[in-house]
Amino acid sequence: MEEVFLLLASLARILLEVLSIAMMIRVLLPIFFDPDGNRIYELTVMLTEPIVAPVRALFVKLNVGQGSPIDWSFFATYLLISILGTVLPSF
């Protein structure tokens, strides 16, 4: 049973890494390329927005970061993903 748990934790860690990379691509791509019509950018938005949206809604509800040029909800989501990846056990 422990092996199954470790396997699932490893799978979750891999998925969190993929999500983390997608978030970094989503942030960096508009700096170098026009995101309009860019399929890679659209893919990263499709992958990351379902994760960022609840945090963004919470930040709007709590009035955190409103009026700031920085998307603090995106930063907080990235931080939560990093923490989750660190807390998960590994082989």
N, C-alpha and C. Protein backbone atom coordinates (compact mmCIF):
# COMPACT_ATOMS: atom_id res chain seq x y z
N MET A 1 0.82 -1.19 0.00
CA MET A 1 0.00 0.00 0.00
C MET A 1 0.87 1.25 0.00
N GLU A 2 1.99 1.18 0.70
CA GLU A 2 2.89 2.33 0.76
C GLU A 2 3.48 2.64 -0.62
N GLU A 3 3.73 1.58 -1.39
CA GLU A 3 4.28 1.79 -2.73
C GLU A 3 3.29 2.52 -3.63
N VAL A 4 2.00 2.18 -3.47
CA VAL A 4 0.97 2.85 -4.26
C VAL A 4 0.91 4.33 -3.89
N PHE A 5 0.99 4.62 -2.59
CA PHE A 5 0.98 6.01 -2.13
C PHE A 5 2.17 6.78 -2.68
N LEU A 6 3.34 6.17 -2.63
CA LEU A 6 4.53 6.84 -3.16
C LEU A 6 4.44 7.03 -4.68
N LEU A 7 3.86 6.09 -5.36
CA LEU A 7 3.67 6.22 -6.80
C LEU A 7 2.71 7.37 -7.13
N LEU A 8 1.62 7.44 -6.39
CA LEU A 8 0.68 8.54 -6.59
C LEU A 8 1.30 9.89 -6.23
N ALA A 9 2.09 9.93 -5.18
CA ALA A 9 2.77 11.16 -4.80
C ALA A 9 3.76 11.58 -5.88
N SER A 10 4.46 10.62 -6.46
CA SER A 10 5.40 10.93 -7.54
C SER A 10 4.67 11.44 -8.78
N LEU A 11 3.55 10.84 -9.09
CA LEU A 11 2.75 11.30 -10.21
C LEU A 11 2.24 12.72 -9.97
N ALA A 12 1.78 12.98 -8.76
CA ALA A 12 1.32 14.32 -8.41
C ALA A 12 2.46 15.33 -8.50
N ARG A 13 3.64 14.94 -8.07
CA ARG A 13 4.81 15.82 -8.15
C ARG A 13 5.14 16.14 -9.61
N ILE A 14 5.05 15.15 -10.48
CA ILE A 14 5.33 15.37 -11.91
C ILE A 14 4.29 16.32 -12.50
N LEU A 15 3.02 16.11 -12.16
CA LEU A 15 1.97 16.99 -12.66
C LEU A 15 2.14 18.42 -12.15
N LEU A 16 2.57 18.56 -10.91
CA LEU A 16 2.82 19.89 -10.37
C LEU A 16 4.00 20.56 -11.07
N GLU A 17 5.02 19.78 -11.42
CA GLU A 17 6.15 20.34 -12.16
C GLU A 17 5.72 20.80 -13.55
N VAL A 18 4.90 20.00 -14.22
CA VAL A 18 4.39 20.38 -15.54
C VAL A 18 3.57 21.67 -15.43
N LEU A 19 2.73 21.75 -14.42
CA LEU A 19 1.93 22.94 -14.21
C LEU A 19 2.82 24.15 -13.90
N SER A 20 3.85 23.94 -13.12
CA SER A 20 4.78 25.02 -12.79
C SER A 20 5.50 25.52 -14.04
N ILE A 21 5.92 24.62 -14.89
CA ILE A 21 6.59 25.00 -16.14
C ILE A 21 5.61 25.74 -17.05
N ALA A 22 4.37 25.27 -17.12
CA ALA A 22 3.36 25.95 -17.94
C ALA A 22 3.11 27.36 -17.43
N MET A 23 3.13 27.54 -16.11
CA MET A 23 2.93 28.87 -15.55
C MET A 23 4.10 29.79 -15.90
N MET A 24 5.30 29.26 -15.86
CA MET A 24 6.46 30.08 -16.23
C MET A 24 6.42 30.45 -17.70
N ILE A 25 6.03 29.52 -18.56
CA ILE A 25 5.90 29.82 -19.99
C ILE A 25 4.83 30.89 -20.19
N ARG A 26 3.74 30.78 -19.46
CA ARG A 26 2.66 31.76 -19.58
C ARG A 26 3.12 33.16 -19.19
N VAL A 27 3.99 33.25 -18.23
CA VAL A 27 4.49 34.55 -17.80
C VAL A 27 5.54 35.10 -18.77
N LEU A 28 6.44 34.24 -19.22
CA LEU A 28 7.57 34.72 -20.02
C LEU A 28 7.28 34.88 -21.51
N LEU A 29 6.37 34.11 -22.05
CA LEU A 29 6.11 34.15 -23.49
C LEU A 29 5.67 35.52 -23.99
N PRO A 30 4.77 36.22 -23.30
CA PRO A 30 4.36 37.54 -23.81
C PRO A 30 5.49 38.58 -23.82
N ILE A 31 6.55 38.33 -23.07
CA ILE A 31 7.68 39.26 -23.07
C ILE A 31 8.42 39.20 -24.40
N PHE A 32 8.51 38.01 -24.97
CA PHE A 32 9.30 37.82 -26.18
C PHE A 32 8.47 37.71 -27.46
N PHE A 33 7.23 37.26 -27.36
CA PHE A 33 6.39 37.05 -28.53
C PHE A 33 5.01 37.64 -28.29
N ASP A 34 4.30 37.90 -29.38
CA ASP A 34 2.93 38.37 -29.29
C ASP A 34 2.03 37.19 -28.90
N PRO A 35 1.34 37.26 -27.76
CA PRO A 35 0.53 36.11 -27.33
C PRO A 35 -0.75 35.91 -28.14
N ASP A 36 -1.18 36.92 -28.91
CA ASP A 36 -2.41 36.77 -29.70
C ASP A 36 -2.23 35.73 -30.79
N GLY A 37 -3.03 34.67 -30.71
CA GLY A 37 -2.99 33.61 -31.70
C GLY A 37 -1.85 32.62 -31.50
N ASN A 38 -1.04 32.79 -30.47
CA ASN A 38 0.07 31.88 -30.21
C ASN A 38 -0.49 30.62 -29.54
N ARG A 39 -0.33 29.49 -30.19
CA ARG A 39 -0.91 28.23 -29.69
C ARG A 39 -0.28 27.77 -28.38
N ILE A 40 1.00 28.00 -28.23
CA ILE A 40 1.66 27.60 -26.98
C ILE A 40 1.11 28.42 -25.82
N TYR A 41 0.95 29.71 -26.04
CA TYR A 41 0.38 30.57 -25.00
C TYR A 41 -1.04 30.15 -24.66
N GLU A 42 -1.84 29.87 -25.69
CA GLU A 42 -3.22 29.43 -25.46
C GLU A 42 -3.27 28.12 -24.68
N LEU A 43 -2.35 27.20 -24.98
CA LEU A 43 -2.27 25.94 -24.25
C LEU A 43 -1.92 26.17 -22.78
N THR A 44 -0.96 27.05 -22.53
CA THR A 44 -0.58 27.32 -21.14
C THR A 44 -1.72 27.98 -20.38
N VAL A 45 -2.48 28.84 -21.04
CA VAL A 45 -3.63 29.45 -20.39
C VAL A 45 -4.67 28.39 -20.07
N MET A 46 -4.92 27.47 -21.02
CA MET A 46 -5.88 26.38 -20.77
C MET A 46 -5.45 25.50 -19.60
N LEU A 47 -4.15 25.27 -19.47
CA LEU A 47 -3.66 24.41 -18.38
C LEU A 47 -3.66 25.12 -17.03
N THR A 48 -3.34 26.39 -17.01
CA THR A 48 -3.12 27.07 -15.75
C THR A 48 -4.33 27.83 -15.21
N GLU A 49 -5.19 28.31 -16.09
CA GLU A 49 -6.30 29.15 -15.63
C GLU A 49 -7.25 28.43 -14.67
N PRO A 50 -7.57 27.14 -14.85
CA PRO A 50 -8.43 26.48 -13.85
C PRO A 50 -7.80 26.42 -12.46
N ILE A 51 -6.49 26.50 -12.38
CA ILE A 51 -5.82 26.49 -11.08
C ILE A 51 -5.73 27.90 -10.51
N VAL A 52 -5.50 28.88 -11.36
CA VAL A 52 -5.33 30.26 -10.92
C VAL A 52 -6.67 30.92 -10.59
N ALA A 53 -7.73 30.56 -11.30
CA ALA A 53 -9.03 31.22 -11.16
C ALA A 53 -9.58 31.21 -9.73
N PRO A 54 -9.54 30.09 -9.00
CA PRO A 54 -10.06 30.13 -7.62
C PRO A 54 -9.25 31.06 -6.71
N VAL A 55 -7.94 31.09 -6.89
CA VAL A 55 -7.11 31.98 -6.08
C VAL A 55 -7.40 33.43 -6.45
N ARG A 56 -7.58 33.68 -7.75
CA ARG A 56 -7.90 35.04 -8.21
C ARG A 56 -9.25 35.48 -7.63
N ALA A 57 -10.23 34.58 -7.63
CA ALA A 57 -11.55 34.91 -7.06
C ALA A 57 -11.45 35.21 -5.57
N LEU A 58 -10.63 34.44 -4.87
CA LEU A 58 -10.42 34.69 -3.44
C LEU A 58 -9.76 36.03 -3.21
N PHE A 59 -8.76 36.36 -4.03
CA PHE A 59 -8.08 37.64 -3.88
C PHE A 59 -9.02 38.82 -4.18
N VAL A 60 -9.89 38.66 -5.16
CA VAL A 60 -10.86 39.72 -5.46
C VAL A 60 -11.83 39.87 -4.30
N LYS A 61 -12.27 38.75 -3.75
CA LYS A 61 -13.21 38.78 -2.63
C LYS A 61 -12.58 39.44 -1.40
N LEU A 62 -11.29 39.17 -1.17
CA LEU A 62 -10.59 39.74 -0.03
C LEU A 62 -9.97 41.11 -0.33
N ASN A 63 -10.13 41.56 -1.59
CA ASN A 63 -9.59 42.84 -2.04
C ASN A 63 -8.07 42.90 -1.86
N VAL A 64 -7.40 41.84 -2.25
CA VAL A 64 -5.94 41.75 -2.17
C VAL A 64 -5.35 42.03 -3.55
N GLY A 65 -4.45 42.99 -3.62
CA GLY A 65 -3.74 43.27 -4.86
C GLY A 65 -4.55 44.00 -5.91
N GLN A 66 -5.70 44.52 -5.55
CA GLN A 66 -6.52 45.24 -6.52
C GLN A 66 -5.83 46.56 -6.86
N GLY A 67 -5.75 46.86 -8.13
CA GLY A 67 -5.11 48.09 -8.59
C GLY A 67 -3.61 47.95 -8.78
N SER A 68 -3.07 46.79 -8.48
CA SER A 68 -1.65 46.56 -8.65
C SER A 68 -1.37 46.06 -10.06
N PRO A 69 -0.26 46.47 -10.67
CA PRO A 69 0.06 45.96 -12.01
C PRO A 69 0.51 44.50 -11.99
N ILE A 70 0.79 43.96 -10.81
CA ILE A 70 1.24 42.58 -10.66
C ILE A 70 0.03 41.71 -10.34
N ASP A 71 -0.07 40.57 -11.02
CA ASP A 71 -1.15 39.62 -10.74
C ASP A 71 -0.72 38.77 -9.54
N TRP A 72 -1.07 39.24 -8.34
CA TRP A 72 -0.65 38.57 -7.12
C TRP A 72 -1.29 37.19 -6.97
N SER A 73 -2.46 37.00 -7.53
CA SER A 73 -3.09 35.68 -7.44
C SER A 73 -2.29 34.65 -8.23
N PHE A 74 -1.74 35.05 -9.36
CA PHE A 74 -0.90 34.15 -10.15
C PHE A 74 0.37 33.79 -9.37
N PHE A 75 0.98 34.79 -8.76
CA PHE A 75 2.18 34.57 -7.95
C PHE A 75 1.87 33.66 -6.76
N ALA A 76 0.74 33.88 -6.10
CA ALA A 76 0.37 33.05 -4.94
C ALA A 76 0.09 31.61 -5.37
N THR A 77 -0.53 31.44 -6.53
CA THR A 77 -0.79 30.09 -7.03
C THR A 77 0.52 29.37 -7.33
N TYR A 78 1.46 30.07 -7.95
CA TYR A 78 2.76 29.47 -8.23
C TYR A 78 3.46 29.08 -6.92
N LEU A 79 3.37 29.92 -5.93
CA LEU A 79 3.97 29.63 -4.63
C LEU A 79 3.31 28.42 -3.98
N LEU A 80 2.00 28.32 -4.05
CA LEU A 80 1.29 27.16 -3.49
C LEU A 80 1.68 25.87 -4.20
N ILE A 81 1.81 25.93 -5.52
CA ILE A 81 2.23 24.75 -6.27
C ILE A 81 3.64 24.33 -5.87
N SER A 82 4.51 25.29 -5.69
CA SER A 82 5.89 24.98 -5.27
C SER A 82 5.92 24.35 -3.89
N ILE A 83 5.13 24.88 -2.99
CA ILE A 83 5.08 24.34 -1.62
C ILE A 83 4.52 22.91 -1.65
N LEU A 84 3.45 22.70 -2.42
CA LEU A 84 2.86 21.37 -2.53
C LEU A 84 3.88 20.37 -3.07
N GLY A 85 4.62 20.77 -4.08
CA GLY A 85 5.64 19.89 -4.66
C GLY A 85 6.74 19.56 -3.66
N THR A 86 7.04 20.48 -2.78
CA THR A 86 8.07 20.26 -1.78
C THR A 86 7.58 19.33 -0.66
N VAL A 87 6.32 19.46 -0.31
CA VAL A 87 5.76 18.69 0.81
C VAL A 87 5.51 17.23 0.42
N LEU A 88 5.23 16.97 -0.84
CA LEU A 88 4.95 15.59 -1.26
C LEU A 88 6.18 14.70 -1.06
N PRO A 89 5.94 13.48 -0.57
CA PRO A 89 7.09 12.56 -0.40
C PRO A 89 7.60 12.08 -1.76
N SER A 90 8.87 11.70 -1.77
CA SER A 90 9.46 11.17 -3.01
C SER A 90 10.22 9.92 -2.69
N PHE A 91 10.55 9.17 -3.72
CA PHE A 91 11.32 7.92 -3.55
C PHE A 91 12.73 8.26 -3.18
